[in-house]
């Protein structure tokens, strides 16, 4: 049996981590999945003591169909591990923790 090679994922541009609390929209165009993610913002008005809530776009994803399926499968595995969905609804094995990113375990 042959061992699988270790895959290293580089991040030379130090891409930021983005938090999103809502999926604002999804669609497909020319075979590319498009996902717009948002985050809720709470802005207090000191004169009225009211707080306005609005959504601001935090990220826009463009995914090939292969990448969209991989994300779907992996998120299903994580949701099952977290107990959010039953394991029988998962279409892929659970996510394996420990892939190396620039030589450091994730």
N, C-alpha and C. Protein backbone atom coordinates (compact mmCIF):
# COMPACT_ATOMS: atom_id res chain seq x y z
N UNK A 1 0.84 -1.17 0.00
CA UNK A 1 0.00 0.00 0.00
C UNK A 1 0.90 1.24 0.00
N UNK A 2 0.50 2.24 -0.79
CA UNK A 2 1.26 3.47 -0.90
C UNK A 2 0.66 4.54 0.00
N UNK A 3 1.53 5.24 0.74
CA UNK A 3 1.04 6.35 1.56
C UNK A 3 0.69 7.51 0.66
N UNK A 4 -0.36 8.23 1.04
CA UNK A 4 -0.74 9.43 0.29
C UNK A 4 0.24 10.54 0.61
N UNK A 5 0.61 11.34 -0.40
CA UNK A 5 1.53 12.44 -0.11
C UNK A 5 0.85 13.51 0.75
N UNK A 6 1.63 14.16 1.59
CA UNK A 6 1.11 15.25 2.42
C UNK A 6 0.90 16.47 1.54
N UNK A 7 -0.27 17.07 1.60
CA UNK A 7 -0.57 18.25 0.81
C UNK A 7 -0.39 19.47 1.70
N UNK A 8 0.38 20.43 1.21
CA UNK A 8 0.58 21.68 1.93
C UNK A 8 -0.17 22.78 1.20
N UNK A 9 -0.93 23.58 1.93
CA UNK A 9 -1.68 24.70 1.36
C UNK A 9 -0.96 25.98 1.77
N UNK A 10 -0.52 26.74 0.78
CA UNK A 10 0.21 27.98 1.05
C UNK A 10 -0.75 29.16 1.17
N UNK A 11 -0.36 30.15 1.94
CA UNK A 11 -1.13 31.38 2.08
C UNK A 11 -0.16 32.56 2.01
N UNK A 12 0.47 32.75 0.85
CA UNK A 12 1.49 33.80 0.74
C UNK A 12 0.93 35.22 0.85
N UNK A 13 -0.37 35.38 0.60
CA UNK A 13 -0.97 36.72 0.65
C UNK A 13 -1.69 36.99 1.96
N UNK A 14 -1.61 36.04 2.91
CA UNK A 14 -2.23 36.18 4.23
C UNK A 14 -3.70 36.60 4.10
N UNK A 15 -4.46 35.78 3.38
CA UNK A 15 -5.87 36.04 3.13
C UNK A 15 -6.60 36.10 4.47
N UNK A 16 -7.41 37.13 4.69
CA UNK A 16 -8.09 37.27 5.99
C UNK A 16 -9.20 36.25 6.19
N UNK A 17 -9.48 35.96 7.44
CA UNK A 17 -10.63 35.15 7.81
C UNK A 17 -11.84 36.07 7.81
N UNK A 18 -12.94 35.62 7.22
CA UNK A 18 -14.14 36.45 7.12
C UNK A 18 -15.27 35.75 7.86
N UNK A 19 -15.93 36.48 8.74
CA UNK A 19 -17.09 35.96 9.45
C UNK A 19 -18.35 36.38 8.71
N UNK A 20 -19.29 35.46 8.60
CA UNK A 20 -20.58 35.75 8.01
C UNK A 20 -21.67 35.15 8.88
N UNK A 21 -22.76 35.88 9.04
CA UNK A 21 -23.87 35.39 9.85
C UNK A 21 -25.09 35.03 9.00
N UNK A 22 -25.08 35.39 7.73
CA UNK A 22 -26.23 35.14 6.87
C UNK A 22 -25.77 34.86 5.43
N UNK A 23 -26.55 34.04 4.75
CA UNK A 23 -26.38 33.87 3.30
C UNK A 23 -27.42 34.78 2.66
N UNK A 24 -26.95 35.81 1.99
CA UNK A 24 -27.86 36.81 1.43
C UNK A 24 -28.43 36.39 0.09
N UNK A 25 -27.64 35.67 -0.68
CA UNK A 25 -28.14 35.27 -1.99
C UNK A 25 -27.24 34.23 -2.62
N UNK A 26 -27.83 33.41 -3.47
CA UNK A 26 -27.10 32.40 -4.21
C UNK A 26 -27.63 32.38 -5.64
N UNK A 27 -26.81 31.95 -6.54
CA UNK A 27 -27.24 31.81 -7.92
C UNK A 27 -26.16 31.15 -8.74
N UNK A 28 -26.51 30.81 -9.98
CA UNK A 28 -25.55 30.19 -10.87
C UNK A 28 -25.56 30.95 -12.19
N UNK A 29 -24.37 31.17 -12.70
CA UNK A 29 -24.23 31.85 -13.99
C UNK A 29 -23.08 31.21 -14.73
N UNK A 30 -23.33 30.75 -15.95
CA UNK A 30 -22.32 30.09 -16.77
C UNK A 30 -21.61 28.96 -16.04
N UNK A 31 -22.35 28.17 -15.28
CA UNK A 31 -21.79 27.02 -14.60
C UNK A 31 -20.96 27.35 -13.37
N UNK A 32 -21.04 28.58 -12.88
CA UNK A 32 -20.31 29.01 -11.68
C UNK A 32 -21.31 29.34 -10.59
N UNK A 33 -21.14 28.72 -9.41
CA UNK A 33 -21.99 29.01 -8.27
C UNK A 33 -21.55 30.34 -7.66
N UNK A 34 -22.51 31.18 -7.34
CA UNK A 34 -22.25 32.49 -6.74
C UNK A 34 -22.97 32.56 -5.41
N UNK A 35 -22.26 32.90 -4.35
CA UNK A 35 -22.82 32.99 -3.01
C UNK A 35 -22.42 34.33 -2.42
N UNK A 36 -23.40 35.10 -1.94
CA UNK A 36 -23.13 36.36 -1.26
C UNK A 36 -23.41 36.15 0.23
N UNK A 37 -22.39 36.40 1.05
CA UNK A 37 -22.49 36.24 2.50
C UNK A 37 -22.54 37.60 3.16
N UNK A 38 -23.30 37.71 4.24
CA UNK A 38 -23.45 38.98 4.96
C UNK A 38 -23.21 38.80 6.45
N UNK A 39 -23.02 39.92 7.10
CA UNK A 39 -22.90 39.95 8.55
C UNK A 39 -23.86 41.02 9.07
N UNK A 40 -24.52 40.73 10.19
CA UNK A 40 -25.43 41.70 10.79
C UNK A 40 -24.62 42.77 11.51
N UNK A 41 -25.02 44.01 11.31
CA UNK A 41 -24.38 45.14 11.99
C UNK A 41 -25.42 45.81 12.88
N UNK A 42 -25.00 46.19 14.07
CA UNK A 42 -25.88 46.87 15.02
C UNK A 42 -25.32 48.25 15.27
N UNK A 43 -26.06 49.27 14.87
CA UNK A 43 -25.59 50.64 14.98
C UNK A 43 -26.50 51.41 15.94
N UNK A 44 -25.97 51.77 17.10
CA UNK A 44 -26.80 52.51 18.06
C UNK A 44 -26.97 53.97 17.65
N UNK A 45 -28.16 54.51 17.92
CA UNK A 45 -28.43 55.93 17.74
C UNK A 45 -28.49 56.52 19.15
N UNK A 46 -27.51 57.28 19.52
CA UNK A 46 -27.41 57.79 20.89
C UNK A 46 -28.51 58.79 21.22
N UNK A 47 -29.08 59.44 20.22
CA UNK A 47 -30.14 60.41 20.48
C UNK A 47 -31.48 59.74 20.78
N UNK A 48 -31.76 58.61 20.13
CA UNK A 48 -33.06 57.95 20.31
C UNK A 48 -32.96 56.70 21.18
N UNK A 49 -31.76 56.28 21.51
CA UNK A 49 -31.51 55.03 22.25
C UNK A 49 -32.02 53.80 21.51
N UNK A 50 -32.18 53.92 20.21
CA UNK A 50 -32.58 52.79 19.36
C UNK A 50 -31.33 52.21 18.69
N UNK A 51 -31.43 50.96 18.31
CA UNK A 51 -30.33 50.32 17.60
C UNK A 51 -30.84 49.84 16.25
N UNK A 52 -30.21 50.32 15.20
CA UNK A 52 -30.57 49.90 13.85
C UNK A 52 -29.77 48.64 13.50
N UNK A 53 -30.44 47.70 12.87
CA UNK A 53 -29.80 46.47 12.43
C UNK A 53 -29.85 46.44 10.91
N UNK A 54 -28.69 46.23 10.31
CA UNK A 54 -28.66 46.08 8.87
C UNK A 54 -27.64 45.00 8.52
N UNK A 55 -27.71 44.52 7.28
CA UNK A 55 -26.77 43.51 6.81
C UNK A 55 -25.77 44.16 5.87
N UNK A 56 -24.51 43.77 6.03
CA UNK A 56 -23.45 44.26 5.16
C UNK A 56 -22.78 43.05 4.51
N UNK A 57 -22.48 43.14 3.23
CA UNK A 57 -21.81 42.04 2.55
C UNK A 57 -20.43 41.85 3.15
N UNK A 58 -20.14 40.61 3.53
CA UNK A 58 -18.83 40.30 4.11
C UNK A 58 -17.96 39.50 3.15
N UNK A 59 -18.57 38.78 2.21
CA UNK A 59 -17.79 38.01 1.24
C UNK A 59 -18.67 37.61 0.07
N UNK A 60 -18.03 37.44 -1.07
CA UNK A 60 -18.69 36.90 -2.26
C UNK A 60 -17.86 35.72 -2.73
N UNK A 61 -18.50 34.56 -2.79
CA UNK A 61 -17.82 33.35 -3.23
C UNK A 61 -18.19 33.04 -4.66
N UNK A 62 -17.23 32.63 -5.45
CA UNK A 62 -17.45 32.11 -6.79
C UNK A 62 -16.84 30.72 -6.79
N UNK A 63 -17.66 29.70 -7.06
CA UNK A 63 -17.21 28.32 -6.95
C UNK A 63 -17.51 27.56 -8.23
N UNK A 64 -16.52 26.78 -8.69
CA UNK A 64 -16.80 25.83 -9.76
C UNK A 64 -17.78 24.80 -9.20
N UNK A 65 -18.43 24.05 -10.06
CA UNK A 65 -19.38 23.04 -9.58
C UNK A 65 -18.67 21.99 -8.73
N UNK A 66 -17.44 21.64 -9.09
CA UNK A 66 -16.67 20.68 -8.29
C UNK A 66 -16.37 21.22 -6.90
N UNK A 67 -15.99 22.48 -6.84
CA UNK A 67 -15.69 23.09 -5.53
C UNK A 67 -16.97 23.24 -4.70
N UNK A 68 -18.09 23.56 -5.36
CA UNK A 68 -19.36 23.69 -4.65
C UNK A 68 -19.78 22.35 -4.06
N UNK A 69 -19.61 21.25 -4.82
CA UNK A 69 -19.96 19.93 -4.31
C UNK A 69 -19.05 19.54 -3.15
N UNK A 70 -17.76 19.84 -3.27
CA UNK A 70 -16.82 19.52 -2.19
C UNK A 70 -17.19 20.30 -0.93
N UNK A 71 -17.54 21.59 -1.06
CA UNK A 71 -17.94 22.39 0.08
C UNK A 71 -19.22 21.84 0.70
N UNK A 72 -20.18 21.47 -0.12
CA UNK A 72 -21.44 20.87 0.33
C UNK A 72 -21.17 19.60 1.15
N UNK A 73 -20.33 18.73 0.60
CA UNK A 73 -20.01 17.47 1.28
C UNK A 73 -19.30 17.72 2.60
N UNK A 74 -18.33 18.58 2.60
CA UNK A 74 -17.55 18.84 3.81
C UNK A 74 -18.37 19.54 4.88
N UNK A 75 -19.19 20.50 4.48
CA UNK A 75 -20.03 21.18 5.47
C UNK A 75 -21.06 20.22 6.05
N UNK A 76 -21.58 19.31 5.23
CA UNK A 76 -22.50 18.30 5.73
C UNK A 76 -21.82 17.45 6.79
N UNK A 77 -20.58 17.07 6.56
CA UNK A 77 -19.83 16.30 7.55
C UNK A 77 -19.64 17.06 8.85
N UNK A 78 -19.33 18.35 8.75
CA UNK A 78 -19.13 19.16 9.96
C UNK A 78 -20.45 19.36 10.70
N UNK A 79 -21.55 19.58 9.96
CA UNK A 79 -22.85 19.75 10.60
C UNK A 79 -23.29 18.47 11.31
N UNK A 80 -22.98 17.33 10.72
CA UNK A 80 -23.31 16.04 11.37
C UNK A 80 -22.47 15.85 12.63
N UNK A 81 -21.18 16.19 12.56
CA UNK A 81 -20.32 16.07 13.74
C UNK A 81 -20.80 16.98 14.86
N UNK A 82 -21.35 18.14 14.50
CA UNK A 82 -21.85 19.09 15.50
C UNK A 82 -23.25 18.72 15.99
N UNK A 83 -23.85 17.70 15.40
CA UNK A 83 -25.18 17.27 15.81
C UNK A 83 -26.32 18.10 15.24
N UNK A 84 -26.03 18.93 14.24
CA UNK A 84 -27.05 19.79 13.65
C UNK A 84 -27.93 19.02 12.67
N UNK A 85 -27.33 18.08 11.93
CA UNK A 85 -28.10 17.24 11.01
C UNK A 85 -27.75 15.78 11.31
N UNK A 86 -28.66 14.85 11.00
CA UNK A 86 -28.35 13.44 11.22
C UNK A 86 -27.24 12.97 10.28
N UNK A 87 -26.43 12.05 10.76
CA UNK A 87 -25.32 11.53 9.97
C UNK A 87 -25.79 10.91 8.67
N UNK A 88 -27.00 10.31 8.64
CA UNK A 88 -27.47 9.66 7.41
C UNK A 88 -27.73 10.66 6.29
N UNK A 89 -27.80 11.95 6.58
CA UNK A 89 -28.00 12.97 5.55
C UNK A 89 -26.70 13.42 4.91
N UNK A 90 -25.57 12.97 5.43
CA UNK A 90 -24.27 13.39 4.92
C UNK A 90 -23.91 12.56 3.70
N UNK A 91 -23.44 13.23 2.66
CA UNK A 91 -23.09 12.57 1.41
C UNK A 91 -21.59 12.29 1.28
N UNK A 92 -20.84 12.60 2.28
CA UNK A 92 -19.39 12.39 2.24
C UNK A 92 -18.93 12.01 3.63
N UNK A 93 -17.75 11.41 3.74
CA UNK A 93 -17.24 11.09 5.08
C UNK A 93 -16.99 12.36 5.89
N UNK A 94 -17.01 12.27 7.22
CA UNK A 94 -16.75 13.45 8.04
C UNK A 94 -15.41 14.10 7.70
N UNK A 95 -15.33 15.37 7.93
CA UNK A 95 -14.12 16.13 7.66
C UNK A 95 -12.98 15.60 8.52
N UNK A 96 -11.82 15.44 7.90
CA UNK A 96 -10.65 14.99 8.65
C UNK A 96 -9.87 16.20 9.12
N UNK A 97 -9.72 16.30 10.42
CA UNK A 97 -8.96 17.39 11.01
C UNK A 97 -7.48 17.04 10.93
N UNK A 98 -6.65 18.01 10.64
CA UNK A 98 -5.21 17.75 10.66
C UNK A 98 -4.51 17.97 9.34
N UNK A 99 -5.21 18.48 8.31
CA UNK A 99 -4.52 18.81 7.08
C UNK A 99 -3.51 19.89 7.38
N UNK A 100 -2.35 19.80 6.80
CA UNK A 100 -1.29 20.75 7.09
C UNK A 100 -1.45 22.01 6.25
N UNK A 101 -1.36 23.15 6.89
CA UNK A 101 -1.35 24.44 6.21
C UNK A 101 -0.03 25.10 6.50
N UNK A 102 0.78 25.25 5.47
CA UNK A 102 2.13 25.82 5.61
C UNK A 102 2.89 25.14 6.75
N UNK A 103 2.80 23.84 6.81
CA UNK A 103 3.57 23.09 7.79
C UNK A 103 2.98 23.04 9.18
N UNK A 104 1.82 23.71 9.39
CA UNK A 104 1.21 23.73 10.72
C UNK A 104 -0.13 23.00 10.65
N UNK A 105 -0.44 22.13 11.64
CA UNK A 105 -1.75 21.49 11.62
C UNK A 105 -2.86 22.52 11.81
N UNK A 106 -4.02 22.25 11.15
CA UNK A 106 -5.13 23.22 11.30
C UNK A 106 -5.96 22.87 12.50
